Amino acid sequence: MQLDIEFVRAQFPAFAEPSLAGQAFFENAGGSYTAGAVIDRLTRYYHQRKVQPYHPFEASRLAGAEMDEARQRLAALMGSKPMNSALARRPRQTPMSCRRLSASS
C-alpha cells in the first residue's frame, strides 16, 4: 500500500493557506502545523470543556471522559496500558507529551 500524500496534506489546513504556498517547513514537532482534526478537538475543548474534569456537572464530566479516551488511544498507539501511560506538560510548552511509564506494560 502506498501513502496517499495528497490525502495526508489535505488533513492540514495550513497547507491550503495561500500565504504559505511554495514554502517548506522543517521545524521541530513543537513548531509544526497541526492537523485539522486536532484543531477541531482543541477548539471544542476551549469552547466547551476547559474546566476541572471529573466533577458532577456536564462540561466537567465530558472533559474527564475525553481525557480518559485520549489516554486509552495514546496507550494503544504505544502498545501500553492506559494505567502505564502519562500525559504531562513539558516545561514552557503548551502541547501535552505522552510517555510510556514501563516497558512491561
PDB file of N, CA and C in Angstrom:
ATOM      1  N   MET A   1       0.842  -1.184   0.000  1.00  0.00           N
ATOM      2  CA  MET A   1       0.000   0.000   0.000  1.00  0.00           C
ATOM      3  C   MET A   1       0.887   1.246   0.000  1.00  0.00           C
ATOM      4  N   GLN A   2       0.567   2.178  -0.847  1.00  0.00           N
ATOM      5  CA  GLN A   2       1.353   3.401  -0.968  1.00  0.00           C
ATOM      6  C   GLN A   2       0.682   4.545  -0.198  1.00  0.00           C
ATOM      7  N   LEU A   3       1.496   5.361   0.439  1.00  0.00           N
ATOM      8  CA  LEU A   3       0.989   6.504   1.203  1.00  0.00           C
ATOM      9  C   LEU A   3       0.390   7.538   0.250  1.00  0.00           C
ATOM     10  N   ASP A   4      -0.825   7.943   0.518  1.00  0.00           N
ATOM     11  CA  ASP A   4      -1.517   8.948  -0.296  1.00  0.00           C
ATOM     12  C   ASP A   4      -1.137  10.338   0.212  1.00  0.00           C
ATOM     13  N   ILE A   5      -0.102  10.904  -0.363  1.00  0.00           N
ATOM     14  CA  ILE A   5       0.434  12.192   0.086  1.00  0.00           C
ATOM     15  C   ILE A   5      -0.604  13.305  -0.019  1.00  0.00           C
ATOM     16  N   GLU A   6      -1.392  13.312  -1.060  1.00  0.00           N
ATOM     17  CA  GLU A   6      -2.404  14.367  -1.207  1.00  0.00           C
ATOM     18  C   GLU A   6      -3.448  14.282  -0.097  1.00  0.00           C
ATOM     19  N   PHE A   7      -3.833  13.061   0.290  1.00  0.00           N
ATOM     20  CA  PHE A   7      -4.770  12.891   1.399  1.00  0.00           C
ATOM     21  C   PHE A   7      -4.145  13.415   2.695  1.00  0.00           C
ATOM     22  N   VAL A   8      -2.897  13.048   2.939  1.00  0.00           N
ATOM     23  CA  VAL A   8      -2.212  13.490   4.153  1.00  0.00           C
ATOM     24  C   VAL A   8      -2.133  15.014   4.192  1.00  0.00           C
ATOM     25  N   ARG A   9      -1.718  15.626   3.106  1.00  0.00           N
ATOM     26  CA  ARG A   9      -1.623  17.094   3.060  1.00  0.00           C
ATOM     27  C   ARG A   9      -2.974  17.757   3.283  1.00  0.00           C
ATOM     28  N   ALA A  10      -4.022  17.136   2.784  1.00  0.00           N
ATOM     29  CA  ALA A  10      -5.363  17.710   2.932  1.00  0.00           C
ATOM     30  C   ALA A  10      -5.821  17.734   4.390  1.00  0.00           C
ATOM     31  N   GLN A  11      -5.180  16.977   5.264  1.00  0.00           N
ATOM     32  CA  GLN A  11      -5.546  16.956   6.681  1.00  0.00           C
ATOM     33  C   GLN A  11      -5.004  18.172   7.436  1.00  0.00           C
ATOM     34  N   PHE A  12      -4.148  18.955   6.806  1.00  0.00           N
ATOM     35  CA  PHE A  12      -3.502  20.101   7.447  1.00  0.00           C
ATOM     36  C   PHE A  12      -3.976  21.405   6.800  1.00  0.00           C
ATOM     37  N   PRO A  13      -4.872  22.131   7.470  1.00  0.00           N
ATOM     38  CA  PRO A  13      -5.430  23.355   6.889  1.00  0.00           C
ATOM     39  C   PRO A  13      -4.373  24.377   6.465  1.00  0.00           C
ATOM     40  N   ALA A  14      -3.248  24.415   7.148  1.00  0.00           N
ATOM     41  CA  ALA A  14      -2.216  25.397   6.804  1.00  0.00           C
ATOM     42  C   ALA A  14      -1.707  25.207   5.377  1.00  0.00           C
ATOM     43  N   PHE A  15      -1.753  23.988   4.861  1.00  0.00           N
ATOM     44  CA  PHE A  15      -1.243  23.746   3.515  1.00  0.00           C
ATOM     45  C   PHE A  15      -2.181  24.277   2.434  1.00  0.00           C
ATOM     46  N   ALA A  16      -3.381  24.683   2.817  1.00  0.00           N
ATOM     47  CA  ALA A  16      -4.305  25.323   1.879  1.00  0.00           C
ATOM     48  C   ALA A  16      -4.259  26.846   2.021  1.00  0.00           C
ATOM     49  N   GLU A  17      -3.457  27.346   2.931  1.00  0.00           N
ATOM     50  CA  GLU A  17      -3.340  28.782   3.190  1.00  0.00           C
ATOM     51  C   GLU A  17      -2.485  29.429   2.097  1.00  0.00           C
ATOM     52  N   PRO A  18      -3.080  30.337   1.305  1.00  0.00           N
ATOM     53  CA  PRO A  18      -2.335  30.955   0.202  1.00  0.00           C
ATOM     54  C   PRO A  18      -1.034  31.651   0.624  1.00  0.00           C
ATOM     55  N   SER A  19      -1.013  32.263   1.775  1.00  0.00           N
ATOM     56  CA  SER A  19       0.197  32.982   2.199  1.00  0.00           C
ATOM     57  C   SER A  19       1.366  32.051   2.517  1.00  0.00           C
ATOM     58  N   LEU A  20       1.105  30.746   2.625  1.00  0.00           N
ATOM     59  CA  LEU A  20       2.167  29.783   2.926  1.00  0.00           C
ATOM     60  C   LEU A  20       2.585  28.964   1.701  1.00  0.00           C
ATOM     61  N   ALA A  21       1.943  29.213   0.566  1.00  0.00           N
ATOM     62  CA  ALA A  21       2.201  28.433  -0.644  1.00  0.00           C
ATOM     63  C   ALA A  21       3.653  28.558  -1.085  1.00  0.00           C
ATOM     64  N   GLY A  22       4.181  27.461  -1.609  1.00  0.00           N
ATOM     65  CA  GLY A  22       5.525  27.456  -2.157  1.00  0.00           C
ATOM     66  C   GLY A  22       6.634  27.423  -1.123  1.00  0.00           C
ATOM     67  N   GLN A  23       6.296  27.150   0.125  1.00  0.00           N
ATOM     68  CA  GLN A  23       7.293  27.106   1.177  1.00  0.00           C
ATOM     69  C   GLN A  23       7.371  25.693   1.748  1.00  0.00           C
ATOM     70  N   ALA A  24       8.514  25.368   2.311  1.00  0.00           N
ATOM     71  CA  ALA A  24       8.689  24.097   3.014  1.00  0.00           C
ATOM     72  C   ALA A  24       8.973  24.416   4.472  1.00  0.00           C
ATOM     73  N   PHE A  25       8.445  23.599   5.364  1.00  0.00           N
ATOM     74  CA  PHE A  25       8.595  23.836   6.800  1.00  0.00           C
ATOM     75  C   PHE A  25       9.266  22.616   7.432  1.00  0.00           C
ATOM     76  N   PHE A  26      10.492  22.803   7.904  1.00  0.00           N
ATOM     77  CA  PHE A  26      11.264  21.717   8.502  1.00  0.00           C
ATOM     78  C   PHE A  26      11.580  22.033   9.960  1.00  0.00           C
ATOM     79  N   GLU A  27      10.567  22.450  10.685  1.00  0.00           N
ATOM     80  CA  GLU A  27      10.742  22.790  12.088  1.00  0.00           C
ATOM     81  C   GLU A  27      10.559  21.546  12.942  1.00  0.00           C
ATOM     82  N   ASN A  28      10.844  21.682  14.222  1.00  0.00           N
ATOM     83  CA  ASN A  28      10.651  20.549  15.120  1.00  0.00           C
ATOM     84  C   ASN A  28       9.160  20.343  15.401  1.00  0.00           C
ATOM     85  N   ALA A  29       8.835  19.283  16.110  1.00  0.00           N
ATOM     86  CA  ALA A  29       7.433  18.928  16.351  1.00  0.00           C
ATOM     87  C   ALA A  29       6.663  20.014  17.092  1.00  0.00           C
ATOM     88  N   GLY A  30       7.308  20.745  17.963  1.00  0.00           N
ATOM     89  CA  GLY A  30       6.631  21.801  18.710  1.00  0.00           C
ATOM     90  C   GLY A  30       6.246  22.998  17.852  1.00  0.00           C
ATOM     91  N   GLY A  31       6.860  23.134  16.700  1.00  0.00           N
ATOM     92  CA  GLY A  31       6.581  24.274  15.835  1.00  0.00           C
ATOM     93  C   GLY A  31       5.925  23.906  14.526  1.00  0.00           C
ATOM     94  N   SER A  32       5.546  22.655  14.365  1.00  0.00           N
ATOM     95  CA  SER A  32       4.966  22.223  13.102  1.00  0.00           C
ATOM     96  C   SER A  32       3.469  22.525  13.054  1.00  0.00           C
ATOM     97  N   TYR A  33       2.912  22.472  11.852  1.00  0.00           N
ATOM     98  CA  TYR A  33       1.490  22.745  11.688  1.00  0.00           C
ATOM     99  C   TYR A  33       0.649  21.576  12.195  1.00  0.00           C
ATOM    100  N   THR A  34      -0.550  21.893  12.628  1.00  0.00           N
ATOM    101  CA  THR A  34      -1.434  20.932  13.277  1.00  0.00           C
ATOM    102  C   THR A  34      -2.494  20.416  12.314  1.00  0.00           C
ATOM    103  N   ALA A  35      -2.825  19.147  12.446  1.00  0.00           N
ATOM    104  CA  ALA A  35      -3.878  18.547  11.626  1.00  0.00           C
ATOM    105  C   ALA A  35      -5.237  19.144  11.983  1.00  0.00           C
ATOM    106  N   GLY A  36      -6.120  19.211  11.012  1.00  0.00           N
ATOM    107  CA  GLY A  36      -7.444  19.791  11.213  1.00  0.00           C
ATOM    108  C   GLY A  36      -8.237  19.117  12.317  1.00  0.00           C
ATOM    109  N   ALA A  37      -8.137  17.787  12.426  1.00  0.00           N
ATOM    110  CA  ALA A  37      -8.878  17.074  13.470  1.00  0.00           C
ATOM    111  C   ALA A  37      -8.422  17.503  14.862  1.00  0.00           C
ATOM    112  N   VAL A  38      -7.144  17.774  15.020  1.00  0.00           N
ATOM    113  CA  VAL A  38      -6.615  18.228  16.310  1.00  0.00           C
ATOM    114  C   VAL A  38      -7.100  19.649  16.598  1.00  0.00           C
ATOM    115  N   ILE A  39      -7.087  20.495  15.588  1.00  0.00           N
ATOM    116  CA  ILE A  39      -7.590  21.870  15.747  1.00  0.00           C
ATOM    117  C   ILE A  39      -9.058  21.834  16.174  1.00  0.00           C
ATOM    118  N   ASP A  40      -9.841  20.976  15.529  1.00  0.00           N
ATOM    119  CA  ASP A  40     -11.262  20.865  15.879  1.00  0.00           C
ATOM    120  C   ASP A  40     -11.440  20.412  17.323  1.00  0.00           C
ATOM    121  N   ARG A  41     -10.666  19.430  17.736  1.00  0.00           N
ATOM    122  CA  ARG A  41     -10.778  18.899  19.098  1.00  0.00           C
ATOM    123  C   ARG A  41     -10.378  19.965  20.128  1.00  0.00           C
ATOM    124  N   LEU A  42      -9.291  20.688  19.841  1.00  0.00           N
ATOM    125  CA  LEU A  42      -8.852  21.743  20.757  1.00  0.00           C
ATOM    126  C   LEU A  42      -9.854  22.890  20.813  1.00  0.00           C
ATOM    127  N   THR A  43     -10.442  23.226  19.674  1.00  0.00           N
ATOM    128  CA  THR A  43     -11.456  24.282  19.641  1.00  0.00           C
ATOM    129  C   THR A  43     -12.643  23.899  20.525  1.00  0.00           C
ATOM    130  N   ARG A  44     -13.097  22.662  20.400  1.00  0.00           N
ATOM    131  CA  ARG A  44     -14.209  22.197  21.250  1.00  0.00           C
ATOM    132  C   ARG A  44     -13.815  22.267  22.722  1.00  0.00           C
ATOM    133  N   TYR A  45     -12.605  21.834  23.032  1.00  0.00           N
ATOM    134  CA  TYR A  45     -12.139  21.872  24.420  1.00  0.00           C
ATOM    135  C   TYR A  45     -12.156  23.306  24.961  1.00  0.00           C
ATOM    136  N   TYR A  46     -11.585  24.241  24.227  1.00  0.00           N
ATOM    137  CA  TYR A  46     -11.514  25.620  24.714  1.00  0.00           C
ATOM    138  C   TYR A  46     -12.876  26.300  24.764  1.00  0.00           C
ATOM    139  N   HIS A  47     -13.793  25.870  23.936  1.00  0.00           N
ATOM    140  CA  HIS A  47     -15.135  26.471  23.939  1.00  0.00           C
ATOM    141  C   HIS A  47     -16.088  25.816  24.929  1.00  0.00           C
ATOM    142  N   GLN A  48     -15.937  24.509  25.161  1.00  0.00           N
ATOM    143  CA  GLN A  48     -16.956  23.784  25.915  1.00  0.00           C
ATOM    144  C   GLN A  48     -16.468  23.051  27.158  1.00  0.00           C
ATOM    145  N   ARG A  49     -15.167  22.733  27.250  1.00  0.00           N
ATOM    146  CA  ARG A  49     -14.736  21.813  28.309  1.00  0.00           C
ATOM    147  C   ARG A  49     -13.494  22.247  29.067  1.00  0.00           C
ATOM    148  N   LYS A  50     -13.171  23.508  29.055  1.00  0.00           N
ATOM    149  CA  LYS A  50     -11.973  23.974  29.762  1.00  0.00           C
ATOM    150  C   LYS A  50     -12.317  24.213  31.226  1.00  0.00           C
ATOM    151  N   VAL A  51     -12.586  23.114  31.904  1.00  0.00           N
ATOM    152  CA  VAL A  51     -12.958  23.122  33.320  1.00  0.00           C
ATOM    153  C   VAL A  51     -12.179  21.997  34.004  1.00  0.00           C
ATOM    154  N   GLN A  52     -12.231  21.957  35.319  1.00  0.00           N
ATOM    155  CA  GLN A  52     -11.628  20.847  36.045  1.00  0.00           C
ATOM    156  C   GLN A  52     -12.432  19.583  35.739  1.00  0.00           C
ATOM    157  N   PRO A  53     -11.773  18.512  35.322  1.00  0.00           N
ATOM    158  CA  PRO A  53     -12.513  17.294  34.956  1.00  0.00           C
ATOM    159  C   PRO A  53     -12.989  16.505  36.168  1.00  0.00           C
ATOM    160  N   TYR A  54     -13.929  15.617  35.894  1.00  0.00           N
ATOM    161  CA  TYR A  54     -14.425  14.626  36.854  1.00  0.00           C
ATOM    162  C   TYR A  54     -15.294  15.194  37.971  1.00  0.00           C
ATOM    163  N   HIS A  55     -15.912  16.335  37.751  1.00  0.00           N
ATOM    164  CA  HIS A  55     -16.867  16.864  38.724  1.00  0.00           C
ATOM    165  C   HIS A  55     -18.285  16.569  38.225  1.00  0.00           C
ATOM    166  N   PRO A  56     -19.293  16.681  39.087  1.00  0.00           N
ATOM    167  CA  PRO A  56     -20.645  16.253  38.720  1.00  0.00           C
ATOM    168  C   PRO A  56     -21.467  17.294  37.950  1.00  0.00           C
ATOM    169  N   PHE A  57     -20.866  17.921  36.930  1.00  0.00           N
ATOM    170  CA  PHE A  57     -21.656  18.731  36.004  1.00  0.00           C
ATOM    171  C   PHE A  57     -21.196  18.386  34.600  1.00  0.00           C
ATOM    172  N   GLU A  58     -22.060  18.606  33.636  1.00  0.00           N
ATOM    173  CA  GLU A  58     -21.884  18.048  32.298  1.00  0.00           C
ATOM    174  C   GLU A  58     -20.544  18.408  31.639  1.00  0.00           C
ATOM    175  N   ALA A  59     -20.161  19.663  31.635  1.00  0.00           N
ATOM    176  CA  ALA A  59     -18.899  20.040  30.985  1.00  0.00           C
ATOM    177  C   ALA A  59     -17.716  19.327  31.635  1.00  0.00           C
ATOM    178  N   SER A  60     -17.734  19.204  32.941  1.00  0.00           N
ATOM    179  CA  SER A  60     -16.662  18.547  33.669  1.00  0.00           C
ATOM    180  C   SER A  60     -16.648  17.039  33.403  1.00  0.00           C
ATOM    181  N   ARG A  61     -17.828  16.442  33.376  1.00  0.00           N
ATOM    182  CA  ARG A  61     -17.924  15.012  33.078  1.00  0.00           C
ATOM    183  C   ARG A  61     -17.389  14.718  31.682  1.00  0.00           C
ATOM    184  N   LEU A  62     -17.774  15.553  30.699  1.00  0.00           N
ATOM    185  CA  LEU A  62     -17.306  15.370  29.324  1.00  0.00           C
ATOM    186  C   LEU A  62     -15.795  15.591  29.210  1.00  0.00           C
ATOM    187  N   ALA A  63     -15.275  16.559  29.948  1.00  0.00           N
ATOM    188  CA  ALA A  63     -13.830  16.802  29.940  1.00  0.00           C
ATOM    189  C   ALA A  63     -13.089  15.574  30.450  1.00  0.00           C
ATOM    190  N   GLY A  64     -13.555  14.992  31.532  1.00  0.00           N
ATOM    191  CA  GLY A  64     -12.926  13.796  32.068  1.00  0.00           C
ATOM    192  C   GLY A  64     -13.014  12.621  31.116  1.00  0.00           C
ATOM    193  N   ALA A  65     -14.166  12.445  30.498  1.00  0.00           N
ATOM    194  CA  ALA A  65     -14.339  11.343  29.549  1.00  0.00           C
ATOM    195  C   ALA A  65     -13.401  11.509  28.353  1.00  0.00           C
ATOM    196  N   GLU A  66     -13.221  12.742  27.905  1.00  0.00           N
ATOM    197  CA  GLU A  66     -12.336  12.988  26.773  1.00  0.00           C
ATOM    198  C   GLU A  66     -10.874  12.740  27.152  1.00  0.00           C
ATOM    199  N   MET A  67     -10.504  13.091  28.376  1.00  0.00           N
ATOM    200  CA  MET A  67      -9.152  12.804  28.847  1.00  0.00           C
ATOM    201  C   MET A  67      -8.924  11.294  28.922  1.00  0.00           C
ATOM    202  N   ASP A  68      -9.905  10.560  29.418  1.00  0.00           N
ATOM    203  CA  ASP A  68      -9.791   9.108  29.504  1.00  0.00           C
ATOM    204  C   ASP A  68      -9.643   8.492  28.112  1.00  0.00           C
ATOM    205  N   GLU A  69     -10.448   8.977  27.178  1.00  0.00           N
ATOM    206  CA  GLU A  69     -10.370   8.474  25.805  1.00  0.00           C
ATOM    207  C   GLU A  69      -8.989   8.734  25.211  1.00  0.00           C
ATOM    208  N   ALA A  70      -8.449   9.931  25.415  1.00  0.00           N
ATOM    209  CA  ALA A  70      -7.122  10.270  24.889  1.00  0.00           C
ATOM    210  C   ALA A  70      -6.061   9.346  25.477  1.00  0.00           C
ATOM    211  N   ARG A  71      -6.133   9.112  26.766  1.00  0.00           N
ATOM    212  CA  ARG A  71      -5.152   8.232  27.424  1.00  0.00           C
ATOM    213  C   ARG A  71      -5.237   6.810  26.854  1.00  0.00           C
ATOM    214  N   GLN A  72      -6.452   6.315  26.619  1.00  0.00           N
ATOM    215  CA  GLN A  72      -6.623   4.969  26.054  1.00  0.00           C
ATOM    216  C   GLN A  72      -6.069   4.890  24.638  1.00  0.00           C
ATOM    217  N   ARG A  73      -6.352   5.890  23.837  1.00  0.00           N
ATOM    218  CA  ARG A  73      -5.876   5.878  22.451  1.00  0.00           C
ATOM    219  C   ARG A  73      -4.351   5.991  22.374  1.00  0.00           C
ATOM    220  N   LEU A  74      -3.775   6.864  23.188  1.00  0.00           N
ATOM    221  CA  LEU A  74      -2.322   7.014  23.178  1.00  0.00           C
ATOM    222  C   LEU A  74      -1.633   5.753  23.682  1.00  0.00           C
ATOM    223  N   ALA A  75      -2.188   5.128  24.691  1.00  0.00           N
ATOM    224  CA  ALA A  75      -1.617   3.883  25.204  1.00  0.00           C
ATOM    225  C   ALA A  75      -1.654   2.802  24.117  1.00  0.00           C
ATOM    226  N   ALA A  76      -2.751   2.716  23.384  1.00  0.00           N
ATOM    227  CA  ALA A  76      -2.860   1.734  22.310  1.00  0.00           C
ATOM    228  C   ALA A  76      -1.806   1.986  21.230  1.00  0.00           C
ATOM    229  N   LEU A  77      -1.567   3.248  20.904  1.00  0.00           N
ATOM    230  CA  LEU A  77      -0.540   3.583  19.917  1.00  0.00           C
ATOM    231  C   LEU A  77       0.847   3.162  20.370  1.00  0.00           C
ATOM    232  N   MET A  78       1.092   3.239  21.674  1.00  0.00           N
ATOM    233  CA  MET A  78       2.414   2.915  22.216  1.00  0.00           C
ATOM    234  C   MET A  78       2.525   1.463  22.657  1.00  0.00           C
ATOM    235  N   GLY A  79       1.458   0.687  22.509  1.00  0.00           N
ATOM    236  CA  GLY A  79       1.486  -0.696  22.934  1.00  0.00           C
ATOM    237  C   GLY A  79       1.564  -0.837  24.444  1.00  0.00           C
ATOM    238  N   SER A  80       0.884   0.035  25.140  1.00  0.00           N
ATOM    239  CA  SER A  80       0.924   0.079  26.596  1.00  0.00           C
ATOM    240  C   SER A  80      -0.493  -0.050  27.142  1.00  0.00           C
ATOM    241  N   LYS A  81      -0.610  -0.023  28.443  1.00  0.00           N
ATOM    242  CA  LYS A  81      -1.909   0.033  29.092  1.00  0.00           C
ATOM    243  C   LYS A  81      -2.150   1.477  29.531  1.00  0.00           C
ATOM    244  N   PRO A  82      -3.406   1.943  29.521  1.00  0.00           N
ATOM    245  CA  PRO A  82      -3.676   3.329  29.938  1.00  0.00           C
ATOM    246  C   PRO A  82      -3.104   3.665  31.313  1.00  0.00           C
ATOM    247  N   MET A  83      -3.147   2.712  32.245  1.00  0.00           N
ATOM    248  CA  MET A  83      -2.646   2.995  33.591  1.00  0.00           C
ATOM    249  C   MET A  83      -1.125   3.160  33.623  1.00  0.00           C
ATOM    250  N   ASN A  84      -0.433   2.727  32.554  1.00  0.00           N
ATOM    251  CA  ASN A  84       1.018   2.850  32.485  1.00  0.00           C
ATOM    252  C   ASN A  84       1.460   3.963  31.549  1.00  0.00           C
ATOM    253  N   SER A  85       0.532   4.813  31.158  1.00  0.00           N
ATOM    254  CA  SER A  85       0.832   5.934  30.275  1.00  0.00           C
ATOM    255  C   SER A  85       0.510   7.227  30.996  1.00  0.00           C
ATOM    256  N   ALA A  86       1.337   8.224  30.788  1.00  0.00           N
ATOM    257  CA  ALA A  86       1.134   9.500  31.471  1.00  0.00           C
ATOM    258  C   ALA A  86       1.051  10.628  30.450  1.00  0.00           C
ATOM    259  N   LEU A  87       0.114  11.534  30.677  1.00  0.00           N
ATOM    260  CA  LEU A  87       0.025  12.764  29.899  1.00  0.00           C
ATOM    261  C   LEU A  87       0.575  13.871  30.778  1.00  0.00           C
ATOM    262  N   ALA A  88       1.527  14.621  30.255  1.00  0.00           N
ATOM    263  CA  ALA A  88       2.131  15.671  31.074  1.00  0.00           C
ATOM    264  C   ALA A  88       2.598  16.816  30.194  1.00  0.00           C
ATOM    265  N   ARG A  89       2.571  18.001  30.751  1.00  0.00           N
ATOM    266  CA  ARG A  89       3.105  19.164  30.043  1.00  0.00           C
ATOM    267  C   ARG A  89       4.608  19.209  30.236  1.00  0.00           C
ATOM    268  N   ARG A  90       5.289  19.586  29.172  1.00  0.00           N
ATOM    269  CA  ARG A  90       6.724  19.824  29.281  1.00  0.00           C
ATOM    270  C   ARG A  90       6.910  21.274  29.704  1.00  0.00           C
ATOM    271  N   PRO A  91       7.939  21.558  30.474  1.00  0.00           N
ATOM    272  CA  PRO A  91       8.141  22.940  30.932  1.00  0.00           C
ATOM    273  C   PRO A  91       8.170  23.922  29.766  1.00  0.00           C
ATOM    274  N   ARG A  92       7.461  25.025  29.930  1.00  0.00           N
ATOM    275  CA  ARG A  92       7.412  26.134  28.974  1.00  0.00           C
ATOM    276  C   ARG A  92       6.835  25.754  27.622  1.00  0.00           C
ATOM    277  N   GLN A  93       6.059  24.683  27.542  1.00  0.00           N
ATOM    278  CA  GLN A  93       5.406  24.311  26.304  1.00  0.00           C
ATOM    279  C   GLN A  93       3.950  23.989  26.587  1.00  0.00           C
ATOM    280  N   THR A  94       3.085  24.360  25.661  1.00  0.00           N
ATOM    281  CA  THR A  94       1.669  24.082  25.810  1.00  0.00           C
ATOM    282  C   THR A  94       1.301  22.654  25.433  1.00  0.00           C
ATOM    283  N   PRO A  95       1.837  22.086  24.329  1.00  0.00           N
ATOM    284  CA  PRO A  95       1.379  20.750  23.941  1.00  0.00           C
ATOM    285  C   PRO A  95       1.646  19.709  25.013  1.00  0.00           C
ATOM    286  N   MET A  96       0.777  18.736  25.055  1.00  0.00           N
ATOM    287  CA  MET A  96       0.949  17.646  26.000  1.00  0.00           C
ATOM    288  C   MET A  96       1.905  16.619  25.401  1.00  0.00           C
ATOM    289  N   SER A  97       2.684  15.977  26.235  1.00  0.00           N
ATOM    290  CA  SER A  97       3.512  14.874  25.774  1.00  0.00           C
ATOM    291  C   SER A  97       2.964  13.600  26.417  1.00  0.00           C
ATOM    292  N   CYS A  98       3.193  12.496  25.769  1.00  0.00           N
ATOM    293  CA  CYS A  98       2.728  11.220  26.288  1.00  0.00           C
ATOM    294  C   CYS A  98       3.949  10.347  26.496  1.00  0.00           C
ATOM    295  N   ARG A  99       4.006   9.699  27.633  1.00  0.00           N
ATOM    296  CA  ARG A  99       5.175   8.899  27.952  1.00  0.00           C
ATOM    297  C   ARG A  99       4.745   7.529  28.449  1.00  0.00           C
ATOM    298  N   ARG A 100       5.395   6.520  27.933  1.00  0.00           N
ATOM    299  CA  ARG A 100       5.158   5.160  28.418  1.00  0.00           C
ATOM    300  C   ARG A 100       5.983   4.986  29.684  1.00  0.00           C
ATOM    301  N   LEU A 101       5.344   4.581  30.767  1.00  0.00           N
ATOM    302  CA  LEU A 101       6.000   4.542  32.054  1.00  0.00           C
ATOM    303  C   LEU A 101       6.817   3.284  32.291  1.00  0.00           C
ATOM    304  N   SER A 102       6.466   2.188  31.644  1.00  0.00           N
ATOM    305  CA  SER A 102       7.256   0.977  31.852  1.00  0.00           C
ATOM    306  C   SER A 102       7.228   0.121  30.611  1.00  0.00           C
ATOM    307  N   ALA A 103       8.310  -0.584  30.377  1.00  0.00           N
ATOM    308  CA  ALA A 103       8.386  -1.458  29.212  1.00  0.00           C
ATOM    309  C   ALA A 103       7.542  -2.715  29.388  1.00  0.00           C
ATOM    310  N   SER A 104       7.193  -3.040  30.607  1.00  0.00           N
ATOM    311  CA  SER A 104       6.424  -4.257  30.862  1.00  0.00           C
ATOM    312  C   SER A 104       4.927  -4.063  30.766  1.00  0.00           C
ATOM    313  N   SER A 105       4.488  -2.904  30.306  1.00  0.00           N
ATOM    314  CA  SER A 105       3.054  -2.645  30.218  1.00  0.00           C
ATOM    315  C   SER A 105       2.573  -3.262  28.956  1.00  0.00           C
TER     316      SER A 105
END
